[in-house]
């Protein structure tokens, strides 16, 4: 039978930001609830994608998206080897907004860990995600697909530089104290900004991040004060509602530029319609990442070759997984034959000889299994498991 993996999902290529917001699953409440509803599955939910990987029928995954108001036209569905190839491309960074970004590999790992925590994985999914993680590491160590500091956060910095030309002396406010905020501040470090203002719901986290980058920490309640002093705001807080609305921005003598890289968004779209505010979101970043891709495009074919090799390895493993009982029968046959022909041989010799005799038959059995995997569905009277070596 074909590989029974499936994928149902959406990303920045097929769904605008407001649709991706509806599909996003927070890791504390919504994502564990979705895993319980699925029973078996792994969910990858990031700022630019929500993807459900499972085994068998994708109906429950499709229903989960429908319940969140995501229409079928904004979803893609892949099955079998195509679902696995997509997962490998994601882990390698080829399906990201910024090709080769490294953050996605950690997010794939976290998706697997969370599914394990809730008892939602099984053998095929475990092997698929472990293979994807290994492939992602190889892509970054054996090619230059990850060369340079390129990420959504880096694209946000590029946009800020495109707007201002020079950030020297400016006051930059960062809303949120998570990984994306830290990445942005890491890239910002060399730009000579005047002040760094870190705002977060948890003052301790704001303080810890501000201290690392020589900035000032503020609680969320101080956000109106921060907005009065900032020249540039980058928002990346994990929040279920807008944190900045049109009514929160004071009138200013000079314009305020805001870059919202959070999903769900932190800044109400109405802010961008104010005469003194200029708002950009994740979709706008697509217009500034083009120049960051050029150096990596030459590496894509190398990564694609690694992906096809990993796909072949997985299919070979699955072929063996499917015919394990037949392989055991072959090994038993080989041991009986050797025992009959070489009754005086020592156990190690008989074991090696049995392995030598069984090996070509096992390879042939796996090859036949893979032919069925890559071809049409196997009929009821599929001869795959009836395969037996001839008697000498």
Protein backbone atom coordinates (compact mmCIF):
# COMPACT_ATOMS: atom_id res chain seq x y z
CA UNK A 1 0.00 0.00 0.00
CA UNK A 2 1.18 3.61 -0.52
CA UNK A 3 2.82 5.49 2.34
CA UNK A 4 -0.19 6.51 4.53
CA UNK A 5 1.16 9.89 5.67
CA UNK A 6 -0.89 13.01 5.08
CA UNK A 7 -0.41 16.77 5.48
CA UNK A 8 -3.08 19.47 5.71
CA UNK A 9 -1.94 23.03 6.20
CA UNK A 10 -1.58 26.64 5.21
CA UNK A 11 1.35 29.02 4.94
CA UNK A 12 2.37 32.45 3.72
CA UNK A 13 2.18 31.30 0.10
CA UNK A 14 -1.51 30.37 0.11
CA UNK A 15 -3.09 32.42 2.91
CA UNK A 16 -2.92 36.12 3.85
CA UNK A 17 -1.99 37.09 7.38
CA UNK A 18 -5.58 37.42 8.62
CA UNK A 19 -6.29 33.80 7.57
CA UNK A 20 -3.04 32.55 9.11
CA UNK A 21 -4.11 34.19 12.36
CA UNK A 22 -7.27 32.07 12.43
CA UNK A 23 -5.27 28.92 11.78
CA UNK A 24 -2.55 29.66 14.35
CA UNK A 25 -2.55 27.45 17.47
CA UNK A 26 -0.99 28.74 20.67
CA UNK A 27 1.22 26.08 22.32
CA UNK A 28 -0.36 26.37 25.78
CA UNK A 29 -4.08 25.77 25.12
CA UNK A 30 -5.15 25.47 21.48
CA UNK A 31 -2.38 23.20 20.23
CA UNK A 32 -2.69 20.53 22.98
CA UNK A 33 -6.48 20.58 22.48
CA UNK A 34 -6.01 20.04 18.75
CA UNK A 35 -3.66 17.10 19.38
CA UNK A 36 -6.25 15.52 21.67
CA UNK A 37 -8.90 15.97 19.00
CA UNK A 38 -6.68 14.38 16.35
CA UNK A 39 -5.63 11.45 18.52
CA UNK A 40 -2.53 10.90 16.41
CA UNK A 41 -0.65 13.70 14.66
CA UNK A 42 2.09 16.31 14.81
CA UNK A 43 1.21 20.00 14.45
CA UNK A 44 3.72 22.56 13.27
CA UNK A 45 2.43 26.06 14.10
CA UNK A 46 4.70 29.06 13.47
CA UNK A 47 4.29 32.71 12.53
CA UNK A 48 3.95 31.77 8.86
CA UNK A 49 2.39 28.30 8.82
CA UNK A 50 0.10 25.84 10.55
CA UNK A 51 0.51 22.27 9.32
CA UNK A 52 -1.00 19.03 10.60
CA UNK A 53 0.83 15.79 9.80
CA UNK A 54 -0.86 12.47 10.44
CA UNK A 55 -1.39 8.88 9.35
CA UNK A 56 -4.55 7.62 7.66
CA UNK A 57 -7.47 9.90 6.88
CA UNK A 58 -7.03 13.72 6.91
CA UNK A 59 -10.73 14.37 7.69
CA UNK A 60 -10.15 15.30 11.34
CA UNK A 61 -7.37 17.72 10.36
CA UNK A 62 -9.55 19.39 7.75
CA UNK A 63 -12.40 19.66 10.25
CA UNK A 64 -10.07 21.33 12.76
CA UNK A 65 -9.23 24.07 10.25
CA UNK A 66 -12.91 24.51 9.33
CA UNK A 67 -13.79 24.98 13.01
CA UNK A 68 -11.28 27.85 13.13
CA UNK A 69 -12.85 29.56 10.13
CA UNK A 70 -10.23 28.58 7.54
CA UNK A 71 -11.75 27.85 4.14
CA UNK A 72 -10.61 24.95 1.97
CA UNK A 73 -9.28 27.34 -0.70
CA UNK A 74 -6.60 28.49 1.74
CA UNK A 75 -5.41 24.96 2.54
CA UNK A 76 -3.07 22.53 0.81
CA UNK A 77 -3.28 18.78 1.20
CA UNK A 78 -0.51 16.32 0.39
CA UNK A 79 -0.33 12.58 0.85
CA UNK A 80 2.28 9.84 0.84
CA UNK A 81 5.75 10.70 -0.38
CA UNK A 82 4.65 14.24 -1.29
CA UNK A 83 3.67 14.96 2.32
CA UNK A 84 7.05 13.66 3.47
CA UNK A 85 8.92 15.65 0.82
CA UNK A 86 7.12 18.81 1.97
CA UNK A 87 8.13 18.16 5.60
CA UNK A 88 11.75 17.72 4.51
CA UNK A 89 11.63 20.97 2.52
CA UNK A 90 10.21 22.77 5.56
CA UNK A 91 12.91 21.40 7.89
CA UNK A 92 15.64 22.35 5.42
CA UNK A 93 14.34 25.93 5.21
CA UNK A 94 13.32 25.74 1.54
CA UNK A 95 9.65 26.54 2.23
CA UNK A 96 10.26 29.50 4.54
CA UNK A 97 9.60 33.16 3.81
CA UNK A 98 13.38 33.59 3.94
CA UNK A 99 15.01 30.56 2.30
CA UNK A 100 17.39 28.74 4.60
CA UNK A 101 16.28 30.38 7.86
CA UNK A 102 17.49 28.33 10.80
CA UNK A 103 14.65 28.98 13.26
CA UNK A 104 12.28 26.55 11.54
CA UNK A 105 14.41 23.52 12.45
CA UNK A 106 13.93 24.21 16.16
CA UNK A 107 10.21 24.68 15.57
CA UNK A 108 9.99 21.28 13.85
CA UNK A 109 11.77 19.76 16.84
CA UNK A 110 9.38 21.43 19.28
CA UNK A 111 6.38 20.19 17.28
CA UNK A 112 7.63 16.61 17.63
CA UNK A 113 8.38 17.01 21.35
CA UNK A 114 4.93 18.45 22.03
CA UNK A 115 3.22 15.63 20.13
CA UNK A 116 5.25 13.11 22.15
CA UNK A 117 4.29 14.86 25.38
CA UNK A 118 0.62 14.41 24.57
CA UNK A 119 0.99 10.84 23.30
CA UNK A 120 0.05 11.82 19.76
CA UNK A 121 2.88 10.25 17.78
CA UNK A 122 3.32 6.78 16.33
CA UNK A 123 6.06 4.93 14.42
CA UNK A 124 5.65 6.51 10.97
CA UNK A 125 5.39 10.07 12.31
CA UNK A 126 8.30 9.58 14.70
CA UNK A 127 10.51 8.32 11.88
CA UNK A 128 9.33 11.07 9.51
CA UNK A 129 10.14 13.90 11.94
CA UNK A 130 13.42 12.37 13.10
CA UNK A 131 14.44 12.05 9.45
CA UNK A 132 13.38 15.66 8.81
CA UNK A 133 15.48 16.92 11.73
CA UNK A 134 18.52 14.95 10.55
CA UNK A 135 18.01 16.25 7.01
CA UNK A 136 17.72 19.85 8.25
CA UNK A 137 21.02 19.54 10.11
CA UNK A 138 22.75 18.06 7.05
CA UNK A 139 21.43 20.86 4.84
CA UNK A 140 23.02 23.45 7.11
CA UNK A 141 26.30 21.62 7.61
CA UNK A 142 26.88 20.33 4.06
CA UNK A 143 25.60 23.33 2.07
CA UNK A 144 25.59 27.12 2.45
CA UNK A 145 21.78 27.34 2.47
CA UNK A 146 21.92 28.83 5.98
CA UNK A 147 24.85 31.19 5.40
CA UNK A 148 24.38 34.69 6.81
CA UNK A 149 22.02 36.03 9.45
CA UNK A 150 18.76 35.83 7.52
CA UNK A 151 15.40 35.37 9.29
CA UNK A 152 12.06 37.08 9.65
CA UNK A 153 13.67 39.21 12.35
CA UNK A 154 16.56 40.06 10.01
CA UNK A 155 14.06 40.95 7.29
CA UNK A 156 12.41 43.30 9.80
CA UNK A 157 15.77 44.98 10.36
CA UNK A 158 16.26 45.28 6.60
CA UNK A 159 12.88 46.98 6.36
CA UNK A 160 13.83 49.40 9.15
CA UNK A 161 17.06 50.23 7.33
CA UNK A 162 15.15 50.69 4.07
CA UNK A 163 12.85 53.17 5.83
CA UNK A 164 15.48 55.13 7.77
CA UNK A 165 18.69 54.44 5.88
CA UNK A 166 20.55 54.73 9.19
CA UNK A 167 19.34 53.77 12.67
CA UNK A 168 22.05 55.67 14.53
CA UNK A 169 20.64 57.57 17.51
CA UNK A 170 17.05 56.32 17.08
CA UNK A 171 14.88 54.95 19.89
CA UNK A 172 13.74 51.42 19.02
CA UNK A 173 10.97 49.77 21.04
CA UNK A 174 10.58 45.99 21.01
CA UNK A 175 7.21 44.62 22.10
CA UNK A 176 7.72 41.10 23.45
CA UNK A 177 10.67 39.29 25.02
CA UNK A 178 10.60 35.95 23.20
CA UNK A 179 12.87 34.35 20.62
CA UNK A 180 11.85 36.65 17.76
CA UNK A 181 12.49 39.76 19.85
CA UNK A 182 15.87 38.40 20.86
CA UNK A 183 16.77 37.65 17.24
CA UNK A 184 15.81 41.16 16.18
CA UNK A 185 17.88 42.73 18.94
CA UNK A 186 20.81 40.51 18.02
CA UNK A 187 20.70 41.83 14.47
CA UNK A 188 20.10 45.38 15.73
CA UNK A 189 23.17 45.39 17.98
CA UNK A 190 25.56 46.64 15.28
CA UNK A 191 23.33 49.49 14.04
CA UNK A 192 24.25 52.15 16.62
CA UNK A 193 20.74 52.87 17.86
CA UNK A 194 20.35 55.43 20.62
CA UNK A 195 17.90 53.59 22.92
CA UNK A 196 16.44 50.10 23.11
CA UNK A 197 13.09 49.91 24.93
CA UNK A 198 11.85 46.38 25.76
CA UNK A 199 8.17 46.05 26.67
CA UNK A 200 6.72 42.79 27.94
CA UNK A 201 3.80 41.50 29.99
CA UNK A 202 6.27 39.88 32.40
CA UNK A 203 8.59 42.64 33.72
CA UNK A 204 11.27 40.12 34.72
CA UNK A 205 11.59 38.83 31.16
CA UNK A 206 11.70 42.37 29.82
CA UNK A 207 14.45 43.21 32.30
CA UNK A 208 16.52 40.13 31.43
CA UNK A 209 16.35 40.85 27.70
CA UNK A 210 17.02 44.57 28.14
CA UNK A 211 20.10 43.88 30.23
CA UNK A 212 21.54 41.61 27.53
CA UNK A 213 21.34 44.38 24.95
CA UNK A 214 21.94 47.47 27.06
CA UNK A 215 18.31 48.55 26.91
CA UNK A 216 15.53 49.72 29.19
CA UNK A 217 12.75 47.43 30.45
CA UNK A 218 9.09 48.42 30.73
CA UNK A 219 5.92 46.54 31.74
CA UNK A 220 3.05 46.34 29.29
CA UNK A 221 1.18 49.01 31.25
CA UNK A 222 3.91 51.49 30.26
CA UNK A 223 3.36 50.93 26.53
CA UNK A 224 1.66 54.34 25.92
CA UNK A 225 4.69 56.07 27.44
CA UNK A 226 7.07 54.02 25.30
CA UNK A 227 5.10 54.84 22.13
CA UNK A 228 5.59 58.56 22.80
CA UNK A 229 9.38 58.20 22.81
CA UNK A 230 9.99 55.54 20.15
CA UNK A 231 10.98 56.18 16.54
CA UNK A 232 10.57 52.54 15.51
CA UNK A 233 8.42 49.79 17.07
CA UNK A 234 8.92 46.10 16.34
CA UNK A 235 6.12 43.94 17.78
CA UNK A 236 6.58 40.19 18.37
CA UNK A 237 4.64 39.47 21.58
CA UNK A 238 2.59 36.29 22.03
CA UNK A 239 -0.84 37.77 22.72
CA UNK A 240 -4.39 36.71 21.76
CA UNK A 241 -5.48 40.32 21.10
CA UNK A 242 -4.21 43.58 19.67
CA UNK A 243 -1.87 45.36 22.08
CA UNK A 244 -1.69 48.59 20.08
CA UNK A 245 -4.74 50.26 18.58
CA UNK A 246 -5.31 53.61 16.84
CA UNK A 247 -6.44 55.13 20.14
CA UNK A 248 -3.13 54.20 21.80
CA UNK A 249 -0.90 56.34 19.60
CA UNK A 250 -0.41 59.93 20.75
CA UNK A 251 -0.13 62.72 18.21
CA UNK A 252 3.49 63.16 17.24
CA UNK A 253 5.66 65.81 15.67
CA UNK A 254 7.51 63.14 13.70
CA UNK A 255 6.20 59.88 12.21
CA UNK A 256 6.32 56.51 13.95
CA UNK A 257 7.23 53.39 12.01
CA UNK A 258 5.81 50.07 13.28
CA UNK A 259 6.74 46.57 12.11
CA UNK A 260 4.41 43.82 13.33
CA UNK A 261 6.07 40.39 13.02
CA UNK A 262 3.72 38.65 15.48
CA UNK A 263 1.01 36.15 14.66
CA UNK A 264 -1.65 36.82 15.82
CA UNK A 265 -0.83 40.43 15.06
CA UNK A 266 -0.04 42.78 17.95
CA UNK A 267 -0.96 46.02 16.15
CA UNK A 268 -4.43 46.84 14.86
CA UNK A 269 -4.47 47.46 11.08
CA UNK A 270 -6.20 50.78 11.73
CA UNK A 271 -2.93 52.13 13.11
CA UNK A 272 -1.53 52.17 9.58
CA UNK A 273 -4.25 54.58 8.51
CA UNK A 274 -3.19 57.26 10.99
CA UNK A 275 -1.44 60.24 9.33
CA UNK A 276 1.62 59.98 11.58
CA UNK A 277 2.06 56.18 11.59
CA UNK A 278 3.46 53.74 9.04
CA UNK A 279 2.63 50.09 9.72
CA UNK A 280 4.16 46.98 8.11
CA UNK A 281 3.29 43.34 8.84
CA UNK A 282 4.58 39.88 7.92
CA UNK A 283 3.20 40.07 4.39
CA UNK A 284 5.08 43.30 3.79
CA UNK A 285 8.36 41.59 4.64
CA UNK A 286 8.14 39.62 1.40
CA UNK A 287 9.12 42.80 -0.41
CA UNK A 288 12.40 43.17 1.48
CA UNK A 289 13.67 39.59 1.53
CA UNK A 290 14.46 39.34 -2.19
CA UNK A 291 18.03 40.52 -1.89
CA UNK A 292 18.65 38.10 0.99
CA UNK A 293 17.73 35.15 -1.21
CA UNK A 294 20.13 35.65 -4.09
CA UNK A 295 23.20 34.27 -2.34
CA UNK A 296 21.31 31.15 -1.30
CA UNK A 297 19.62 30.25 -4.56
CA UNK A 298 22.68 28.45 -5.84
CA UNK A 299 22.53 26.12 -2.84
CA UNK A 300 18.92 25.03 -3.36
CA UNK A 301 19.72 22.22 -5.86
CA UNK A 302 22.22 20.77 -3.39
CA UNK A 303 19.61 20.73 -0.65
CA UNK A 304 17.03 19.24 -3.03
CA UNK A 305 19.44 16.39 -3.72
CA UNK A 306 19.81 15.76 0.03
CA UNK A 307 16.02 15.77 0.35
CA UNK A 308 15.57 13.16 -2.38
CA UNK A 309 18.22 10.99 -0.74
CA UNK A 310 16.49 11.26 2.63
CA UNK A 311 13.14 10.50 1.00
CA UNK A 312 14.60 7.38 -0.55
CA UNK A 313 16.04 6.30 2.80
CA UNK A 314 12.67 6.74 4.48
CA UNK A 315 10.83 4.78 1.79
CA UNK A 316 13.36 1.99 2.09
CA UNK A 317 12.87 1.98 5.86
CA UNK A 318 9.09 1.91 5.39
CA UNK A 319 9.38 -0.94 2.94
CA UNK A 320 11.25 -2.89 5.58
CA UNK A 321 8.72 -1.80 8.20
CA UNK A 322 5.86 -3.13 6.07
CA UNK A 323 7.48 -6.49 5.33
CA UNK A 324 9.07 -7.11 8.72
CA UNK A 325 7.22 -10.37 9.22
CA UNK A 326 8.22 -11.60 5.78
CA UNK A 327 11.83 -10.69 6.54
CA UNK A 328 11.69 -12.63 9.78
CA UNK A 329 10.31 -15.59 7.85
CA UNK A 330 13.19 -15.31 5.38
CA UNK A 331 15.74 -15.22 8.18
CA UNK A 332 14.15 -18.26 9.77
CA UNK A 333 14.25 -20.10 6.45
CA UNK A 334 17.94 -19.26 6.00
CA UNK A 335 18.84 -20.47 9.50
CA UNK A 336 16.98 -23.76 8.96
CA UNK A 337 18.68 -24.33 5.63
CA UNK A 338 22.13 -23.71 7.07
CA UNK A 339 21.44 -25.93 10.07
CA UNK A 340 20.37 -28.73 7.72
CA UNK A 341 23.36 -28.38 5.38
CA UNK A 342 26.06 -27.57 7.96
CA UNK A 343 25.08 -29.44 11.13
CA UNK A 344 28.67 -29.55 12.40
CA UNK A 345 29.37 -25.81 11.99
CA UNK A 346 29.74 -23.61 15.06
CA UNK A 347 26.90 -21.14 15.89
CA UNK A 348 28.79 -18.05 14.66
CA UNK A 349 29.57 -19.64 11.30
CA UNK A 350 25.98 -20.77 10.86
CA UNK A 351 24.72 -17.28 11.78
CA UNK A 352 26.98 -15.57 9.23
CA UNK A 353 26.10 -18.07 6.51
CA UNK A 354 22.37 -17.65 7.19
CA UNK A 355 22.75 -13.88 6.96
CA UNK A 356 24.65 -14.18 3.68
CA UNK A 357 21.93 -16.35 2.14
CA UNK A 358 19.03 -14.24 3.39
CA UNK A 359 20.53 -10.86 2.46
CA UNK A 360 19.80 -10.82 -1.31
CA UNK A 361 16.26 -12.06 -0.74
CA UNK A 362 15.66 -9.39 1.87
CA UNK A 363 16.90 -6.69 -0.52
CA UNK A 364 14.65 -8.06 -3.26
CA UNK A 365 11.69 -8.09 -0.88
CA UNK A 366 12.31 -4.46 0.14
CA UNK A 367 12.66 -3.45 -3.50
CA UNK A 368 9.37 -5.10 -4.34
CA UNK A 369 7.75 -3.42 -1.34
CA UNK A 370 9.04 -0.04 -2.49
CA UNK A 371 7.63 -0.66 -5.98
CA UNK A 372 4.22 -1.10 -4.40
CA UNK A 373 4.75 2.01 -2.23
CA UNK A 374 5.49 4.25 -5.19
CA UNK A 375 2.90 2.69 -7.50
CA UNK A 376 -0.90 2.47 -7.39
CA UNK A 377 -2.70 1.12 -4.32
CA UNK A 378 -2.02 -2.56 -3.69
CA UNK A 379 -5.02 -4.82 -4.47
CA UNK A 380 -6.54 -7.17 -1.92
CA UNK A 381 -4.61 -10.15 -3.30
CA UNK A 382 -1.31 -8.21 -3.32
CA UNK A 383 1.46 -10.85 -3.63
CA UNK A 384 3.95 -8.77 -1.65
CA UNK A 385 3.77 -10.65 1.62
CA UNK A 386 3.36 -13.99 -0.13
CA UNK A 387 6.87 -13.65 -1.57
CA UNK A 388 9.08 -16.54 -0.49
CA UNK A 389 12.49 -17.71 -1.68
CA UNK A 390 12.52 -20.87 -3.78
CA UNK A 391 13.72 -24.08 -2.30
CA UNK A 392 17.16 -25.10 -3.55
